[in-house]
Amino acid sequence: MYNRTVIRMKAAQVRQNFAETLRRSHDDPVAIERRGKLVAVLVGADQFEQMRQAMEDLEDIAAFDAAMAEEGPNLPWQQAKADLGWA
């Protein structure tokens, strides 16, 4: 996913060839530039879903790391299950 070629296009080119740009975005990200500056990146829906899932996974890892770094007494697993009504 991260070794993809990025296609660079000017915004005017994207407007003139929108259907083709959409088709190309399914294979590779399309970086859209206006006046020489990057203004947007168009990616296919599958790529977007993969990126969204990866970001959620990173947020979960960060939350876990933060929870593990908290000070305080540990709660035995049996007690945690009982408190949640799982036991």
Protein backbone atom coordinates (compact mmCIF):
# COMPACT_ATOMS: atom_id res chain seq x y z
CA MET A 1 0.00 0.00 0.00
CA TYR A 2 2.81 2.42 0.84
CA ASN A 3 4.98 1.72 -2.21
CA ARG A 4 2.47 3.07 -4.71
CA THR A 5 3.39 5.59 -7.36
CA VAL A 6 1.76 8.98 -6.84
CA ILE A 7 0.36 10.56 -9.97
CA ARG A 8 0.75 14.35 -9.97
CA MET A 9 -1.80 16.44 -11.87
CA LYS A 10 -2.72 20.08 -12.12
CA ALA A 11 -6.25 20.97 -10.97
CA ALA A 12 -7.12 22.11 -14.51
CA GLN A 13 -6.09 18.69 -15.88
CA VAL A 14 -8.28 16.98 -13.30
CA ARG A 15 -11.28 19.11 -14.28
CA GLN A 16 -10.76 18.38 -17.97
CA ASN A 17 -10.26 14.64 -17.46
CA PHE A 18 -12.31 13.92 -14.35
CA ALA A 19 -13.58 10.45 -15.37
CA GLU A 20 -10.08 9.33 -16.32
CA THR A 21 -8.66 10.79 -13.09
CA LEU A 22 -11.20 8.82 -11.06
CA ARG A 23 -10.27 5.65 -12.91
CA ARG A 24 -6.56 6.26 -12.32
CA SER A 25 -7.14 6.91 -8.60
CA HIS A 26 -8.27 3.30 -8.16
CA ASP A 27 -4.73 2.14 -8.97
CA ASP A 28 -2.59 4.97 -7.61
CA PRO A 29 -3.16 8.10 -5.54
CA VAL A 30 -3.56 11.28 -7.57
CA ALA A 31 -1.90 14.37 -6.08
CA ILE A 32 -3.73 17.48 -7.26
CA GLU A 33 -1.76 20.70 -7.50
CA ARG A 34 -2.91 24.27 -7.93
CA ARG A 35 -0.31 26.97 -8.66
CA GLY A 36 2.44 24.47 -7.89
CA LYS A 37 1.11 23.60 -4.40
CA LEU A 38 -0.43 20.32 -3.32
CA VAL A 39 -4.11 20.96 -2.54
CA ALA A 40 -5.64 17.48 -2.42
CA VAL A 41 -5.03 13.78 -2.94
CA LEU A 42 -7.59 11.58 -4.63
CA VAL A 43 -7.53 7.91 -3.68
CA GLY A 44 -9.78 5.00 -4.53
CA ALA A 45 -12.39 3.85 -2.02
CA ASP A 46 -10.47 0.64 -1.21
CA GLN A 47 -7.28 2.57 -0.48
CA PHE A 48 -9.20 5.05 1.66
CA GLU A 49 -10.75 2.22 3.70
CA GLN A 50 -7.30 0.65 4.23
CA MET A 51 -5.89 4.00 5.41
CA ARG A 52 -8.89 4.63 7.69
CA GLN A 53 -8.52 1.18 9.26
CA ALA A 54 -4.77 1.69 9.73
CA MET A 55 -5.40 5.02 11.50
CA GLU A 56 -7.98 3.39 13.79
CA ASP A 57 -5.48 0.63 14.60
CA LEU A 58 -2.82 3.22 15.47
CA GLU A 59 -5.28 5.06 17.73
CA ASP A 60 -6.08 1.77 19.49
CA ILE A 61 -2.38 1.06 20.00
CA ALA A 62 -1.81 4.56 21.41
CA ALA A 63 -4.79 4.17 23.78
CA PHE A 64 -3.47 0.79 24.95
CA ASP A 65 0.02 2.22 25.52
CA ALA A 66 -1.47 5.13 27.50
CA ALA A 67 -3.55 2.77 29.63
CA MET A 68 -0.54 0.57 30.33
CA ALA A 69 1.48 3.63 31.39
CA GLU A 70 -1.11 4.72 33.97
CA GLU A 71 -0.04 4.56 37.58
CA GLY A 72 -2.10 2.74 40.14
CA PRO A 73 -2.94 -0.72 41.40
CA ASN A 74 -3.64 -3.51 38.96
CA LEU A 75 -7.06 -5.13 38.94
CA PRO A 76 -7.08 -8.94 38.78
CA TRP A 77 -8.74 -10.32 35.62
CA GLN A 78 -11.38 -12.20 37.60
CA GLN A 79 -12.38 -8.98 39.36
CA ALA A 80 -12.52 -7.05 36.07
CA LYS A 81 -14.80 -9.72 34.56
CA ALA A 82 -17.04 -9.63 37.61
CA ASP A 83 -17.24 -5.82 37.51
CA LEU A 84 -18.31 -5.99 33.86
CA GLY A 85 -20.87 -8.71 34.56
CA TRP A 86 -18.97 -11.28 32.49
CA ALA A 87 -18.37 -13.76 35.31
